[in-house]
Every structure is written in structure tokens, then in C-alpha cells.
Amino acid sequence: RDFVRDASHRLRTPLTKISGYLDMAEGSLKDDPDRAGRALAAARRFVPDMETAVADLVALAAARFSQNMDRPPVADVRGILENALREAAARAPDAAPIPLEVRDPGEYPAAVEPNGLGRAFAAALSRMAASGTDAPVVLFRSEEGIRIDFPGADSLLSPSGAGGDDAALFTDFIAAYGGSMLSAGPGILGLLLPPADEKSGSAA
């Protein structure tokens, strides 16, 4: 419910702005082509915000649907994380890539929907990049499950307020997979995911 309310806000805000700029371009600015053009350009800048919100809703719906299946699909958390790191590096080619430290070899199977978990990882990696840390993401197995530590991403522990929209999204995705978040040290976001059990499907 909180995510739907948040997504509604994220869709409604850019839609209102797009509508306003289009009204300006067609109304008070129709006799001023230069200003009308700038209004249209401003409207286009809000389109990616709407596209992202729609993609988040679709991914979260898929995540929750997969968890309600008799045999939830299984995916390799390590592979999803490595792909998210590659995508983060491609989005910021001039920045140093975020390193990954894998403490235990092999795959890390969990009952997760890859696209949704990838979007959650992207939110954490974005916070890491903004923090300027050069510390690695750390992936390992613990007694509690699969653990991933994201240095510099602890602000995602706040699902509202300073956490921002991606914090609410992150929280919803992790909850959909039966996972949990914790403070793993100063500035470090720790993520725990339950490993796949015998009722889950084959690894993706």
C-alpha cells in the first residue's frame, strides 16, 4: 500500500508538470516559438521519471507474484549483483567502477525475481557512488542467509524522509523477497536474503 501511494505520487507529479508545460506551449506561449520550445523541452525531461515509476511498479508486481507461487523461481544473487555493477559502470563511464568482494565461492541461489532485485541493487549502488566511497560491495554467506554489504548506502535504511523515493522502493522489494536490512557499521547498509529452499524452482 505504501509503495502504491509512493508510486502514485511519483507518477502524478511529473504528469502534472508535463501537462502544465504543454498547456503553456499551446496557450500563453503559442505566439512565442522559442519559449514554447523551451516549455516542451522541459516537459520531455519529466518523461524518464514516469517511465522509471512505471518500471518499478511492474517489477514489484512481478516480485510479489513470484513469491506467491507454489514453486518460486530461483535466481543467482551473485549474477544479479554482478550485472547491476556492470550497468552502474556503463551509466558512469568516467567514474571508477565499484569493486565487488566475494568471500565465498560459487552461486548464491535465492527465491527472487531478477529484475526486481536488480533494481533494488541499482538503488544501493547509486547511493554508494554518490557517497564517494572506494570500498567494495561485499557478498558472503552467513548463518542468517545471503548477506550483501553496501558501504555508503546506509541512507536507504530510511524508507521515508531523507531516504527518498528509492529508499521506499528498496524496502518494498526486499520485503517482497522475505529479506531484511540492517546497519552493518558506520555508513554501511547490510542486506540479508533467505537462501532458496527445496520448494523453490530451478536457478535462473
C-alpha atoms as a PDB file:
ATOM      1  CA  ARG A   1       0.000   0.000   0.000  1.00  0.00           C
ATOM      2  CA  ASP A   2       2.796   2.435   0.869  1.00  0.00           C
ATOM      3  CA  PHE A   3       4.559   1.662  -2.396  1.00  0.00           C
ATOM      4  CA  VAL A   4       1.391   2.177  -4.444  1.00  0.00           C
ATOM      5  CA  ARG A   5       0.863   5.539  -2.735  1.00  0.00           C
ATOM      6  CA  ASP A   6       4.503   6.482  -3.370  1.00  0.00           C
ATOM      7  CA  ALA A   7       4.357   5.367  -6.998  1.00  0.00           C
ATOM      8  CA  SER A   8       1.128   7.313  -7.485  1.00  0.00           C
ATOM      9  CA  HIS A   9       2.905  10.420  -6.211  1.00  0.00           C
ATOM     10  CA  ARG A  10       5.893   9.761  -8.460  1.00  0.00           C
ATOM     11  CA  LEU A  11       3.615   9.433 -11.483  1.00  0.00           C
ATOM     12  CA  ARG A  12       1.248  12.270 -10.639  1.00  0.00           C
ATOM     13  CA  THR A  13       3.971  14.866 -10.010  1.00  0.00           C
ATOM     14  CA  PRO A  14       5.725  14.636 -13.411  1.00  0.00           C
ATOM     15  CA  LEU A  15       2.391  14.177 -15.181  1.00  0.00           C
ATOM     16  CA  THR A  16       1.110  17.432 -13.652  1.00  0.00           C
ATOM     17  CA  LYS A  17       4.274  19.242 -14.727  1.00  0.00           C
ATOM     18  CA  ILE A  18       4.150  17.810 -18.240  1.00  0.00           C
ATOM     19  CA  SER A  19       0.511  18.843 -18.551  1.00  0.00           C
ATOM     20  CA  GLY A  20       1.326  22.329 -17.285  1.00  0.00           C
ATOM     21  CA  TYR A  21       4.187  22.848 -19.727  1.00  0.00           C
ATOM     22  CA  LEU A  22       2.067  21.580 -22.636  1.00  0.00           C
ATOM     23  CA  ASP A  23      -0.742  23.965 -21.680  1.00  0.00           C
ATOM     24  CA  MET A  24       1.772  26.827 -21.624  1.00  0.00           C
ATOM     25  CA  ALA A  25       3.198  25.858 -25.014  1.00  0.00           C
ATOM     26  CA  GLU A  26      -0.265  25.681 -26.562  1.00  0.00           C
ATOM     27  CA  GLY A  27      -1.714  28.660 -24.705  1.00  0.00           C
ATOM     28  CA  SER A  28       0.134  31.692 -23.395  1.00  0.00           C
ATOM     29  CA  LEU A  29       3.344  30.823 -25.295  1.00  0.00           C
ATOM     30  CA  LYS A  30       1.857  29.847 -28.644  1.00  0.00           C
ATOM     31  CA  ASP A  31       2.923  33.170 -30.160  1.00  0.00           C
ATOM     32  CA  ASP A  32       6.476  32.828 -28.786  1.00  0.00           C
ATOM     33  CA  PRO A  33       8.046  29.804 -30.530  1.00  0.00           C
ATOM     34  CA  ASP A  34      11.317  29.999 -28.595  1.00  0.00           C
ATOM     35  CA  ARG A  35       9.670  29.967 -25.157  1.00  0.00           C
ATOM     36  CA  ALA A  36       7.148  27.363 -26.303  1.00  0.00           C
ATOM     37  CA  GLY A  37      10.044  25.175 -27.434  1.00  0.00           C
ATOM     38  CA  ARG A  38      11.699  25.516 -24.043  1.00  0.00           C
ATOM     39  CA  ALA A  39       8.434  24.562 -22.338  1.00  0.00           C
ATOM     40  CA  LEU A  40       8.178  21.433 -24.497  1.00  0.00           C
ATOM     41  CA  ALA A  41      11.798  20.541 -23.736  1.00  0.00           C
ATOM     42  CA  ALA A  42      11.088  20.917 -20.014  1.00  0.00           C
ATOM     43  CA  ALA A  43       8.060  18.638 -20.329  1.00  0.00           C
ATOM     44  CA  ARG A  44      10.169  15.957 -22.015  1.00  0.00           C
ATOM     45  CA  ARG A  45      12.637  15.985 -19.107  1.00  0.00           C
ATOM     46  CA  PHE A  46       9.946  14.573 -16.816  1.00  0.00           C
ATOM     47  CA  VAL A  47       9.149  11.616 -19.077  1.00  0.00           C
ATOM     48  CA  PRO A  48      12.001   9.408 -17.720  1.00  0.00           C
ATOM     49  CA  ASP A  49      10.671   9.926 -14.182  1.00  0.00           C
ATOM     50  CA  MET A  50       7.326   8.493 -15.236  1.00  0.00           C
ATOM     51  CA  GLU A  51       8.965   5.640 -17.146  1.00  0.00           C
ATOM     52  CA  THR A  52      11.020   4.723 -14.072  1.00  0.00           C
ATOM     53  CA  ALA A  53       7.981   4.749 -11.785  1.00  0.00           C
ATOM     54  CA  VAL A  54       6.052   2.500 -14.185  1.00  0.00           C
ATOM     55  CA  ALA A  55       9.008   0.097 -14.452  1.00  0.00           C
ATOM     56  CA  ASP A  56       9.261  -0.013 -10.658  1.00  0.00           C
ATOM     57  CA  LEU A  57       5.570  -0.883 -10.322  1.00  0.00           C
ATOM     58  CA  VAL A  58       5.829  -3.653 -12.909  1.00  0.00           C
ATOM     59  CA  ALA A  59       8.977  -5.093 -11.310  1.00  0.00           C
ATOM     60  CA  LEU A  60       7.478  -5.037  -7.815  1.00  0.00           C
ATOM     61  CA  ALA A  61       4.301  -6.708  -9.051  1.00  0.00           C
ATOM     62  CA  ALA A  62       6.439  -9.450 -10.625  1.00  0.00           C
ATOM     63  CA  ALA A  63       8.417  -9.821  -7.390  1.00  0.00           C
ATOM     64  CA  ARG A  64       5.309 -10.276  -5.260  1.00  0.00           C
ATOM     65  CA  PHE A  65       3.676 -12.576  -7.799  1.00  0.00           C
ATOM     66  CA  SER A  66       6.754 -14.829  -7.848  1.00  0.00           C
ATOM     67  CA  GLN A  67       6.747 -15.101  -4.043  1.00  0.00           C
ATOM     68  CA  ASN A  68       3.124 -16.314  -4.067  1.00  0.00           C
ATOM     69  CA  MET A  69       3.852 -19.161  -6.469  1.00  0.00           C
ATOM     70  CA  ASP A  70       3.937 -22.756  -5.187  1.00  0.00           C
ATOM     71  CA  ARG A  71       7.491 -23.020  -6.501  1.00  0.00           C
ATOM     72  CA  PRO A  72       9.024 -19.532  -6.605  1.00  0.00           C
ATOM     73  CA  PRO A  73      11.691 -19.119  -9.293  1.00  0.00           C
ATOM     74  CA  VAL A  74      15.290 -19.232  -8.115  1.00  0.00           C
ATOM     75  CA  ALA A  75      17.991 -16.871  -9.357  1.00  0.00           C
ATOM     76  CA  ASP A  76      21.673 -16.427  -8.552  1.00  0.00           C
ATOM     77  CA  VAL A  77      22.086 -13.339  -6.356  1.00  0.00           C
ATOM     78  CA  ARG A  78      25.759 -13.105  -7.295  1.00  0.00           C
ATOM     79  CA  GLY A  79      24.923 -12.970 -11.004  1.00  0.00           C
ATOM     80  CA  ILE A  80      22.253 -10.308 -10.446  1.00  0.00           C
ATOM     81  CA  LEU A  81      24.691  -8.216  -8.392  1.00  0.00           C
ATOM     82  CA  GLU A  82      27.464  -8.548 -10.987  1.00  0.00           C
ATOM     83  CA  ASN A  83      25.056  -7.444 -13.718  1.00  0.00           C
ATOM     84  CA  ALA A  84      23.931  -4.448 -11.618  1.00  0.00           C
ATOM     85  CA  LEU A  85      27.585  -3.455 -11.160  1.00  0.00           C
ATOM     86  CA  ARG A  86      28.194  -3.648 -14.926  1.00  0.00           C
ATOM     87  CA  GLU A  87      25.145  -1.477 -15.585  1.00  0.00           C
ATOM     88  CA  ALA A  88      26.258   1.036 -12.941  1.00  0.00           C
ATOM     89  CA  ALA A  89      29.690   1.247 -14.591  1.00  0.00           C
ATOM     90  CA  ALA A  90      28.084   1.789 -18.004  1.00  0.00           C
ATOM     91  CA  ARG A  91      25.968   4.659 -16.643  1.00  0.00           C
ATOM     92  CA  ALA A  92      29.054   6.420 -15.251  1.00  0.00           C
ATOM     93  CA  PRO A  93      31.914   5.565 -17.646  1.00  0.00           C
ATOM     94  CA  ASP A  94      34.164   8.323 -16.283  1.00  0.00           C
ATOM     95  CA  ALA A  95      33.917   7.137 -12.674  1.00  0.00           C
ATOM     96  CA  ALA A  96      35.952   4.364 -11.106  1.00  0.00           C
ATOM     97  CA  PRO A  97      33.894   1.156 -11.135  1.00  0.00           C
ATOM     98  CA  ILE A  98      32.582  -0.083  -7.806  1.00  0.00           C
ATOM     99  CA  PRO A  99      34.553  -3.194  -6.802  1.00  0.00           C
ATOM    100  CA  LEU A 100      32.995  -6.447  -5.623  1.00  0.00           C
ATOM    101  CA  GLU A 101      34.430  -8.706  -2.927  1.00  0.00           C
ATOM    102  CA  VAL A 102      33.000 -12.241  -2.935  1.00  0.00           C
ATOM    103  CA  ARG A 103      34.081 -14.043   0.229  1.00  0.00           C
ATOM    104  CA  ASP A 104      32.537 -17.438  -0.509  1.00  0.00           C
ATOM    105  CA  PRO A 105      32.835 -19.102  -3.941  1.00  0.00           C
ATOM    106  CA  GLY A 106      30.013 -20.448  -6.053  1.00  0.00           C
ATOM    107  CA  GLU A 107      26.463 -19.359  -6.734  1.00  0.00           C
ATOM    108  CA  TYR A 108      24.122 -17.716  -4.238  1.00  0.00           C
ATOM    109  CA  PRO A 109      20.666 -19.096  -5.107  1.00  0.00           C
ATOM    110  CA  ALA A 110      17.622 -17.331  -3.681  1.00  0.00           C
ATOM    111  CA  ALA A 111      13.901 -17.204  -4.457  1.00  0.00           C
ATOM    112  CA  VAL A 112      13.980 -13.779  -6.089  1.00  0.00           C
ATOM    113  CA  GLU A 113      12.767 -12.179  -9.306  1.00  0.00           C
ATOM    114  CA  PRO A 114      15.942 -10.951 -11.086  1.00  0.00           C
ATOM    115  CA  ASN A 115      14.597  -7.679 -12.487  1.00  0.00           C
ATOM    116  CA  GLY A 116      13.190  -6.524  -9.161  1.00  0.00           C
ATOM    117  CA  LEU A 117      16.294  -7.424  -7.167  1.00  0.00           C
ATOM    118  CA  GLY A 118      18.438  -5.772  -9.832  1.00  0.00           C
ATOM    119  CA  ARG A 119      16.501  -2.530  -9.413  1.00  0.00           C
ATOM    120  CA  ALA A 120      16.992  -2.720  -5.644  1.00  0.00           C
ATOM    121  CA  PHE A 121      20.730  -3.263  -6.122  1.00  0.00           C
ATOM    122  CA  ALA A 122      20.839  -0.294  -8.515  1.00  0.00           C
ATOM    123  CA  ALA A 123      19.407   1.958  -5.790  1.00  0.00           C
ATOM    124  CA  ALA A 124      22.107   0.842  -3.334  1.00  0.00           C
ATOM    125  CA  LEU A 125      24.897   1.249  -5.894  1.00  0.00           C
ATOM    126  CA  SER A 126      23.642   4.738  -6.733  1.00  0.00           C
ATOM    127  CA  ARG A 127      23.928   5.714  -3.051  1.00  0.00           C
ATOM    128  CA  MET A 128      27.427   4.220  -2.937  1.00  0.00           C
ATOM    129  CA  ALA A 129      28.520   6.225  -5.967  1.00  0.00           C
ATOM    130  CA  ALA A 130      27.088   9.437  -4.512  1.00  0.00           C
ATOM    131  CA  SER A 131      28.943   8.866  -1.230  1.00  0.00           C
ATOM    132  CA  GLY A 132      32.314   8.800  -2.997  1.00  0.00           C
ATOM    133  CA  THR A 133      33.436   5.644  -1.216  1.00  0.00           C
ATOM    134  CA  ASP A 134      36.039   3.407  -2.827  1.00  0.00           C
ATOM    135  CA  ALA A 135      35.139   0.442  -0.599  1.00  0.00           C
ATOM    136  CA  PRO A 136      33.803  -2.698  -2.300  1.00  0.00           C
ATOM    137  CA  VAL A 137      30.396  -4.279  -2.180  1.00  0.00           C
ATOM    138  CA  VAL A 138      30.838  -7.427  -0.076  1.00  0.00           C
ATOM    139  CA  LEU A 139      28.914 -10.639  -0.788  1.00  0.00           C
ATOM    140  CA  PHE A 140      29.114 -13.612   1.563  1.00  0.00           C
ATOM    141  CA  ARG A 141      27.152 -16.348   3.301  1.00  0.00           C
ATOM    142  CA  SER A 142      26.177 -16.016   6.942  1.00  0.00           C
ATOM    143  CA  GLU A 143      24.180 -18.114   9.392  1.00  0.00           C
ATOM    144  CA  GLU A 144      21.177 -15.879   8.686  1.00  0.00           C
ATOM    145  CA  GLY A 145      21.347 -16.213   4.898  1.00  0.00           C
ATOM    146  CA  ILE A 146      22.886 -14.426   1.931  1.00  0.00           C
ATOM    147  CA  ARG A 147      24.481 -11.166   3.022  1.00  0.00           C
ATOM    148  CA  ILE A 148      25.434  -8.151   0.883  1.00  0.00           C
ATOM    149  CA  ASP A 149      27.076  -5.074   2.418  1.00  0.00           C
ATOM    150  CA  PHE A 150      26.900  -1.727   0.591  1.00  0.00           C
ATOM    151  CA  PRO A 151      29.288   0.886   2.073  1.00  0.00           C
ATOM    152  CA  GLY A 152      27.972   4.439   1.795  1.00  0.00           C
ATOM    153  CA  ALA A 153      24.367   3.327   1.218  1.00  0.00           C
ATOM    154  CA  ASP A 154      23.031   3.397   4.778  1.00  0.00           C
ATOM    155  CA  SER A 155      20.570   6.204   3.952  1.00  0.00           C
ATOM    156  CA  LEU A 156      18.409   3.517   2.314  1.00  0.00           C
ATOM    157  CA  LEU A 157      17.589   2.339   5.826  1.00  0.00           C
ATOM    158  CA  SER A 158      15.210   5.314   5.977  1.00  0.00           C
ATOM    159  CA  PRO A 159      12.106   4.382   3.947  1.00  0.00           C
ATOM    160  CA  SER A 160      10.801   7.948   4.046  1.00  0.00           C
ATOM    161  CA  GLY A 161      12.033  11.479   4.556  1.00  0.00           C
ATOM    162  CA  ALA A 162      15.782  11.649   3.901  1.00  0.00           C
ATOM    163  CA  GLY A 163      15.687   8.192   2.347  1.00  0.00           C
ATOM    164  CA  GLY A 164      13.794   9.390  -0.708  1.00  0.00           C
ATOM    165  CA  ASP A 165      11.776   7.504  -3.309  1.00  0.00           C
ATOM    166  CA  ASP A 166      14.401   4.847  -3.972  1.00  0.00           C
ATOM    167  CA  ALA A 167      14.557   4.008  -0.244  1.00  0.00           C
ATOM    168  CA  ALA A 168      10.848   3.177  -0.221  1.00  0.00           C
ATOM    169  CA  LEU A 169      11.308   1.141  -3.398  1.00  0.00           C
ATOM    170  CA  PHE A 170      14.306  -0.697  -1.929  1.00  0.00           C
ATOM    171  CA  THR A 171      12.392  -1.529   1.246  1.00  0.00           C
ATOM    172  CA  ASP A 172       9.397  -2.872  -0.694  1.00  0.00           C
ATOM    173  CA  PHE A 173      11.496  -5.091  -2.948  1.00  0.00           C
ATOM    174  CA  ILE A 174      13.487  -6.575  -0.076  1.00  0.00           C
ATOM    175  CA  ALA A 175      10.305  -7.212   1.935  1.00  0.00           C
ATOM    176  CA  ALA A 176       8.754  -8.950  -1.083  1.00  0.00           C
ATOM    177  CA  TYR A 177      11.638 -11.436  -1.038  1.00  0.00           C
ATOM    178  CA  GLY A 178      11.439 -12.057   2.714  1.00  0.00           C
ATOM    179  CA  GLY A 179      14.707 -10.213   3.259  1.00  0.00           C
ATOM    180  CA  SER A 180      15.768  -7.642   5.810  1.00  0.00           C
ATOM    181  CA  MET A 181      18.089  -4.654   6.150  1.00  0.00           C
ATOM    182  CA  LEU A 182      20.462  -3.699   8.923  1.00  0.00           C
ATOM    183  CA  SER A 183      23.200  -1.263   9.789  1.00  0.00           C
ATOM    184  CA  ALA A 184      26.433  -3.194   9.198  1.00  0.00           C
ATOM    185  CA  GLY A 185      28.737  -0.488  10.533  1.00  0.00           C
ATOM    186  CA  PRO A 186      29.280   3.242  10.024  1.00  0.00           C
ATOM    187  CA  GLY A 187      27.664   4.172   6.715  1.00  0.00           C
ATOM    188  CA  ILE A 188      27.204   0.534   5.664  1.00  0.00           C
ATOM    189  CA  LEU A 189      23.872  -0.911   4.557  1.00  0.00           C
ATOM    190  CA  GLY A 190      23.627  -4.642   5.186  1.00  0.00           C
ATOM    191  CA  LEU A 191      21.128  -6.724   3.238  1.00  0.00           C
ATOM    192  CA  LEU A 192      20.041 -10.245   4.193  1.00  0.00           C
ATOM    193  CA  LEU A 193      18.199 -12.538   1.788  1.00  0.00           C
ATOM    194  CA  PRO A 194      16.958 -16.032   2.663  1.00  0.00           C
ATOM    195  CA  PRO A 195      18.589 -18.746   0.542  1.00  0.00           C
ATOM    196  CA  ALA A 196      16.438 -20.861  -1.757  1.00  0.00           C
ATOM    197  CA  ASP A 197      14.765 -23.871  -0.155  1.00  0.00           C
ATOM    198  CA  GLU A 198      13.655 -27.197  -1.560  1.00  0.00           C
ATOM    199  CA  LYS A 199      10.220 -25.781  -2.551  1.00  0.00           C
ATOM    200  CA  SER A 200      11.745 -23.253  -4.913  1.00  0.00           C
ATOM    201  CA  GLY A 201      12.153 -23.714  -8.650  1.00  0.00           C
ATOM    202  CA  SER A 202      15.296 -24.078 -10.720  1.00  0.00           C
ATOM    203  CA  ALA A 203      18.028 -21.446 -10.686  1.00  0.00           C
ATOM    204  CA  ALA A 204      17.794 -18.825 -13.405  1.00  0.00           C
END
